[in-house]
Amino acid sequence: PSASPEPRSALLQGSQLYAVIDAVPVRRWKEFMRVLELREAEIELVELEVAHIRDQQYEMLKRWCQQTSATLDHVFAALERMELAGCAEALRQSLPVGP
């Protein structure tokens, strides 16, 4: 892995997924996934297949990443659309900053 952090337009990767999960309130998670346009059938399937909520969140995010060119810009835009600018700001601060 390279030493320099990826730009926000780069695709989401492992540790960033957990940063996103931590930034979004659990009670708004499904809404967040819908705003990101993960299909309802996928959301329901993950809920059936995966027992723990954090694992569900990771799996939903992972599936979204596999279906689209998932970037942090998409995540920030979704949070702002949901009027969760504070969560977006917390996420920005938790991610490594470029050189």
C-alpha atoms as a PDB file:
ATOM      1  CA  PRO A   1       0.000   0.000   0.000  1.00  0.00           C
ATOM      2  CA  SER A   2       1.183   3.503  -0.763  1.00  0.00           C
ATOM      3  CA  ALA A   3       2.146   5.837   2.057  1.00  0.00           C
ATOM      4  CA  SER A   4       0.097   8.756   0.767  1.00  0.00           C
ATOM      5  CA  PRO A   5      -3.644   8.790   1.546  1.00  0.00           C
ATOM      6  CA  GLU A   6      -6.061   8.516  -1.346  1.00  0.00           C
ATOM      7  CA  PRO A   7      -7.936  11.585  -2.575  1.00  0.00           C
ATOM      8  CA  ARG A   8     -11.636  11.789  -1.735  1.00  0.00           C
ATOM      9  CA  SER A   9     -12.521  10.878  -5.299  1.00  0.00           C
ATOM     10  CA  ALA A  10     -10.689   7.552  -4.934  1.00  0.00           C
ATOM     11  CA  LEU A  11     -12.671   4.377  -4.352  1.00  0.00           C
ATOM     12  CA  LEU A  12     -13.515   3.467  -0.770  1.00  0.00           C
ATOM     13  CA  GLN A  13     -11.284   0.904   0.903  1.00  0.00           C
ATOM     14  CA  GLY A  14     -11.280  -1.253   4.053  1.00  0.00           C
ATOM     15  CA  SER A  15     -10.518   1.104   6.936  1.00  0.00           C
ATOM     16  CA  GLN A  16     -12.524   3.883   5.290  1.00  0.00           C
ATOM     17  CA  LEU A  17     -15.608   1.644   5.388  1.00  0.00           C
ATOM     18  CA  TYR A  18     -15.396   1.523   9.177  1.00  0.00           C
ATOM     19  CA  ALA A  19     -14.898   5.289   9.338  1.00  0.00           C
ATOM     20  CA  VAL A  20     -18.124   5.718   7.332  1.00  0.00           C
ATOM     21  CA  ILE A  21     -19.971   3.210   9.549  1.00  0.00           C
ATOM     22  CA  ASP A  22     -18.821   5.086  12.662  1.00  0.00           C
ATOM     23  CA  ALA A  23     -19.904   8.450  11.231  1.00  0.00           C
ATOM     24  CA  VAL A  24     -23.499   7.524  10.318  1.00  0.00           C
ATOM     25  CA  PRO A  25     -26.032   7.169  13.175  1.00  0.00           C
ATOM     26  CA  VAL A  26     -27.268   3.557  13.389  1.00  0.00           C
ATOM     27  CA  ARG A  27     -30.919   4.667  13.314  1.00  0.00           C
ATOM     28  CA  ARG A  28     -30.303   6.448   9.977  1.00  0.00           C
ATOM     29  CA  TRP A  29     -28.206   3.677   8.403  1.00  0.00           C
ATOM     30  CA  LYS A  30     -30.866   2.164   6.119  1.00  0.00           C
ATOM     31  CA  GLU A  31     -31.922   5.615   4.977  1.00  0.00           C
ATOM     32  CA  PHE A  32     -28.247   6.337   4.232  1.00  0.00           C
ATOM     33  CA  MET A  33     -27.965   3.182   2.124  1.00  0.00           C
ATOM     34  CA  ARG A  34     -31.155   4.102   0.234  1.00  0.00           C
ATOM     35  CA  VAL A  35     -29.798   7.604  -0.464  1.00  0.00           C
ATOM     36  CA  LEU A  36     -26.677   5.899  -1.840  1.00  0.00           C
ATOM     37  CA  GLU A  37     -29.105   3.877  -3.999  1.00  0.00           C
ATOM     38  CA  LEU A  38     -28.397   0.402  -2.666  1.00  0.00           C
ATOM     39  CA  ARG A  39     -31.423  -1.638  -3.740  1.00  0.00           C
ATOM     40  CA  GLU A  40     -34.035  -2.374  -1.059  1.00  0.00           C
ATOM     41  CA  ALA A  41     -33.773  -6.098  -1.865  1.00  0.00           C
ATOM     42  CA  GLU A  42     -30.038  -5.990  -1.061  1.00  0.00           C
ATOM     43  CA  ILE A  43     -30.680  -4.198   2.239  1.00  0.00           C
ATOM     44  CA  GLU A  44     -33.278  -6.801   3.251  1.00  0.00           C
ATOM     45  CA  LEU A  45     -31.068  -9.688   2.152  1.00  0.00           C
ATOM     46  CA  VAL A  46     -28.166  -8.451   4.283  1.00  0.00           C
ATOM     47  CA  GLU A  47     -30.511  -8.062   7.272  1.00  0.00           C
ATOM     48  CA  LEU A  48     -31.572 -11.701   6.872  1.00  0.00           C
ATOM     49  CA  GLU A  49     -28.088 -13.101   6.256  1.00  0.00           C
ATOM     50  CA  VAL A  50     -26.047 -11.153   8.823  1.00  0.00           C
ATOM     51  CA  ALA A  51     -26.820 -11.189  12.537  1.00  0.00           C
ATOM     52  CA  HIS A  52     -24.918  -8.242  14.032  1.00  0.00           C
ATOM     53  CA  ILE A  53     -25.788  -4.655  13.103  1.00  0.00           C
ATOM     54  CA  ARG A  54     -22.172  -3.555  12.577  1.00  0.00           C
ATOM     55  CA  ASP A  55     -21.567  -6.532  10.299  1.00  0.00           C
ATOM     56  CA  GLN A  56     -24.769  -5.658   8.418  1.00  0.00           C
ATOM     57  CA  GLN A  57     -23.550  -2.092   7.955  1.00  0.00           C
ATOM     58  CA  TYR A  58     -20.188  -3.285   6.644  1.00  0.00           C
ATOM     59  CA  GLU A  59     -21.812  -5.787   4.274  1.00  0.00           C
ATOM     60  CA  MET A  60     -24.285  -3.218   2.887  1.00  0.00           C
ATOM     61  CA  LEU A  61     -21.506  -0.716   2.328  1.00  0.00           C
ATOM     62  CA  LYS A  62     -19.321  -3.379   0.721  1.00  0.00           C
ATOM     63  CA  ARG A  63     -22.132  -4.391  -1.665  1.00  0.00           C
ATOM     64  CA  TRP A  64     -22.745  -0.754  -2.559  1.00  0.00           C
ATOM     65  CA  CYS A  65     -19.020  -0.366  -3.287  1.00  0.00           C
ATOM     66  CA  GLN A  66     -19.082  -3.425  -5.559  1.00  0.00           C
ATOM     67  CA  GLN A  67     -22.055  -2.117  -7.557  1.00  0.00           C
ATOM     68  CA  THR A  68     -20.912   1.453  -8.131  1.00  0.00           C
ATOM     69  CA  SER A  69     -17.767   3.517  -8.331  1.00  0.00           C
ATOM     70  CA  ALA A  70     -18.112   4.269  -4.626  1.00  0.00           C
ATOM     71  CA  THR A  71     -16.144   7.315  -3.503  1.00  0.00           C
ATOM     72  CA  LEU A  72     -16.022   9.450  -0.387  1.00  0.00           C
ATOM     73  CA  ASP A  73     -17.565  12.239  -2.452  1.00  0.00           C
ATOM     74  CA  HIS A  74     -20.685  10.081  -2.852  1.00  0.00           C
ATOM     75  CA  VAL A  75     -20.735   9.428   0.894  1.00  0.00           C
ATOM     76  CA  PHE A  76     -20.377  13.128   1.779  1.00  0.00           C
ATOM     77  CA  ALA A  77     -23.083  14.074  -0.739  1.00  0.00           C
ATOM     78  CA  ALA A  78     -25.457  11.481   0.750  1.00  0.00           C
ATOM     79  CA  LEU A  79     -24.824  12.714   4.303  1.00  0.00           C
ATOM     80  CA  GLU A  80     -25.447  16.301   3.266  1.00  0.00           C
ATOM     81  CA  ARG A  81     -28.655  15.309   1.458  1.00  0.00           C
ATOM     82  CA  MET A  82     -29.795  13.669   4.715  1.00  0.00           C
ATOM     83  CA  GLU A  83     -28.949  16.908   6.571  1.00  0.00           C
ATOM     84  CA  LEU A  84     -26.175  15.144   8.495  1.00  0.00           C
ATOM     85  CA  ALA A  85     -23.489  17.733   7.796  1.00  0.00           C
ATOM     86  CA  GLY A  86     -22.109  17.226  11.322  1.00  0.00           C
ATOM     87  CA  CYS A  87     -21.594  13.533  10.564  1.00  0.00           C
ATOM     88  CA  ALA A  88     -19.928  14.442   7.270  1.00  0.00           C
ATOM     89  CA  GLU A  89     -17.590  16.796   9.120  1.00  0.00           C
ATOM     90  CA  ALA A  90     -16.774  14.141  11.742  1.00  0.00           C
ATOM     91  CA  LEU A  91     -15.988  11.702   8.934  1.00  0.00           C
ATOM     92  CA  ARG A  92     -13.711  14.230   7.199  1.00  0.00           C
ATOM     93  CA  GLN A  93     -11.792  14.696  10.455  1.00  0.00           C
ATOM     94  CA  SER A  94     -11.469  10.949  11.096  1.00  0.00           C
ATOM     95  CA  LEU A  95      -9.930  10.215   7.687  1.00  0.00           C
ATOM     96  CA  PRO A  96      -6.247  10.700   6.966  1.00  0.00           C
ATOM     97  CA  VAL A  97      -5.513  14.054   5.348  1.00  0.00           C
ATOM     98  CA  GLY A  98      -3.435  14.286   2.184  1.00  0.00           C
ATOM     99  CA  PRO A  99       0.167  15.586   2.207  1.00  0.00           C
END
